Amino acid sequence: MNYSQPKIDQMVLALPGASEFADGGVWKRIDFAVMDRLHEKGYITNPRGKQEPVRLTEDGLALAKQPPAR
């Protein structure tokens, strides 16, 4: 089965967008390949490291709050 990586990324980005902390942090217990792609696109801070939360960027938060494209 072929999956659309952009659609997967958008769906995964919606998860932290729905559960962000008051300071914009989100838990990063999501597949690292997806998290790395979101970081490369500028939607989240670097997911690699010892800190548990990452931060949504302004662009990432705006995209996370948008309804999914059909």
C-alpha atoms as a PDB file:
ATOM      1  CA  MET A   1       0.000   0.000   0.000  1.00  0.00           C
ATOM      2  CA  ASN A   2       1.281   3.472  -0.845  1.00  0.00           C
ATOM      3  CA  TYR A   3       0.736   6.201   1.715  1.00  0.00           C
ATOM      4  CA  SER A   4       1.081   9.919   1.141  1.00  0.00           C
ATOM      5  CA  GLN A   5       3.886  11.176   3.403  1.00  0.00           C
ATOM      6  CA  PRO A   6       2.578  14.771   3.306  1.00  0.00           C
ATOM      7  CA  LYS A   7      -0.847  13.577   4.485  1.00  0.00           C
ATOM      8  CA  ILE A   8       0.724  11.441   7.210  1.00  0.00           C
ATOM      9  CA  ASP A   9       2.804  14.434   8.324  1.00  0.00           C
ATOM     10  CA  GLN A  10      -0.291  16.646   8.438  1.00  0.00           C
ATOM     11  CA  MET A  11      -2.199  14.085  10.483  1.00  0.00           C
ATOM     12  CA  VAL A  12       0.693  13.628  12.901  1.00  0.00           C
ATOM     13  CA  LEU A  13       1.099  17.408  13.223  1.00  0.00           C
ATOM     14  CA  ALA A  14      -2.578  17.661  14.185  1.00  0.00           C
ATOM     15  CA  LEU A  15      -1.967  15.408  17.220  1.00  0.00           C
ATOM     16  CA  PRO A  16       0.402  17.783  19.045  1.00  0.00           C
ATOM     17  CA  GLY A  17      -1.676  20.706  17.799  1.00  0.00           C
ATOM     18  CA  ALA A  18      -4.632  19.284  19.694  1.00  0.00           C
ATOM     19  CA  SER A  19      -2.661  18.542  22.864  1.00  0.00           C
ATOM     20  CA  GLU A  20      -0.130  21.357  23.168  1.00  0.00           C
ATOM     21  CA  PHE A  21       0.929  22.669  26.564  1.00  0.00           C
ATOM     22  CA  ALA A  22       0.227  26.268  27.562  1.00  0.00           C
ATOM     23  CA  ASP A  23       3.833  27.143  26.654  1.00  0.00           C
ATOM     24  CA  GLY A  24       3.588  25.532  23.181  1.00  0.00           C
ATOM     25  CA  GLY A  25       5.424  22.338  24.103  1.00  0.00           C
ATOM     26  CA  VAL A  26       4.255  18.948  22.879  1.00  0.00           C
ATOM     27  CA  TRP A  27       5.299  15.395  23.723  1.00  0.00           C
ATOM     28  CA  LYS A  28       7.465  13.740  21.103  1.00  0.00           C
ATOM     29  CA  ARG A  29       6.472  10.091  21.440  1.00  0.00           C
ATOM     30  CA  ILE A  30       5.788   9.886  17.739  1.00  0.00           C
ATOM     31  CA  ASP A  31       7.794   8.052  15.082  1.00  0.00           C
ATOM     32  CA  PHE A  32      11.137   9.853  14.704  1.00  0.00           C
ATOM     33  CA  ALA A  33      11.082   9.694  10.901  1.00  0.00           C
ATOM     34  CA  VAL A  34       7.875  11.747  10.905  1.00  0.00           C
ATOM     35  CA  MET A  35       9.175  14.090  13.611  1.00  0.00           C
ATOM     36  CA  ASP A  36      12.387  14.623  11.624  1.00  0.00           C
ATOM     37  CA  ARG A  37      10.358  15.538   8.518  1.00  0.00           C
ATOM     38  CA  LEU A  38       8.237  18.007  10.521  1.00  0.00           C
ATOM     39  CA  HIS A  39      11.429  19.562  11.896  1.00  0.00           C
ATOM     40  CA  GLU A  40      12.950  19.805   8.394  1.00  0.00           C
ATOM     41  CA  LYS A  41       9.809  21.632   7.230  1.00  0.00           C
ATOM     42  CA  GLY A  42      10.138  24.096  10.133  1.00  0.00           C
ATOM     43  CA  TYR A  43       6.996  23.057  11.998  1.00  0.00           C
ATOM     44  CA  ILE A  44       8.599  21.866  15.253  1.00  0.00           C
ATOM     45  CA  THR A  45      11.830  22.354  17.139  1.00  0.00           C
ATOM     46  CA  ASN A  46      14.541  19.707  16.919  1.00  0.00           C
ATOM     47  CA  PRO A  47      13.089  16.397  18.183  1.00  0.00           C
ATOM     48  CA  ARG A  48      16.522  14.865  18.831  1.00  0.00           C
ATOM     49  CA  GLY A  49      17.786  15.319  22.355  1.00  0.00           C
ATOM     50  CA  LYS A  50      17.123  14.461  25.951  1.00  0.00           C
ATOM     51  CA  GLN A  51      14.262  16.878  26.567  1.00  0.00           C
ATOM     52  CA  GLU A  52      10.895  15.185  26.229  1.00  0.00           C
ATOM     53  CA  PRO A  53       8.805  18.004  24.746  1.00  0.00           C
ATOM     54  CA  VAL A  54       9.405  19.737  21.437  1.00  0.00           C
ATOM     55  CA  ARG A  55       7.866  23.087  20.541  1.00  0.00           C
ATOM     56  CA  LEU A  56       5.521  23.853  17.685  1.00  0.00           C
ATOM     57  CA  THR A  57       6.734  26.779  15.592  1.00  0.00           C
ATOM     58  CA  GLU A  58       4.251  29.495  14.599  1.00  0.00           C
ATOM     59  CA  ASP A  59       3.901  27.874  11.166  1.00  0.00           C
ATOM     60  CA  GLY A  60       3.523  24.428  12.722  1.00  0.00           C
ATOM     61  CA  LEU A  61       0.839  25.593  15.135  1.00  0.00           C
ATOM     62  CA  ALA A  62      -1.089  27.351  12.362  1.00  0.00           C
ATOM     63  CA  LEU A  63      -0.955  24.231  10.177  1.00  0.00           C
ATOM     64  CA  ALA A  64      -1.846  21.942  13.096  1.00  0.00           C
ATOM     65  CA  LYS A  65      -5.005  23.954  13.752  1.00  0.00           C
ATOM     66  CA  GLN A  66      -6.190  23.898  10.104  1.00  0.00           C
ATOM     67  CA  PRO A  67      -8.813  21.385   9.039  1.00  0.00           C
ATOM     68  CA  PRO A  68      -7.244  18.592   6.968  1.00  0.00           C
ATOM     69  CA  ALA A  69      -7.151  19.070   3.216  1.00  0.00           C
ATOM     70  CA  ARG A  70      -9.300  16.661   1.256  1.00  0.00           C
END
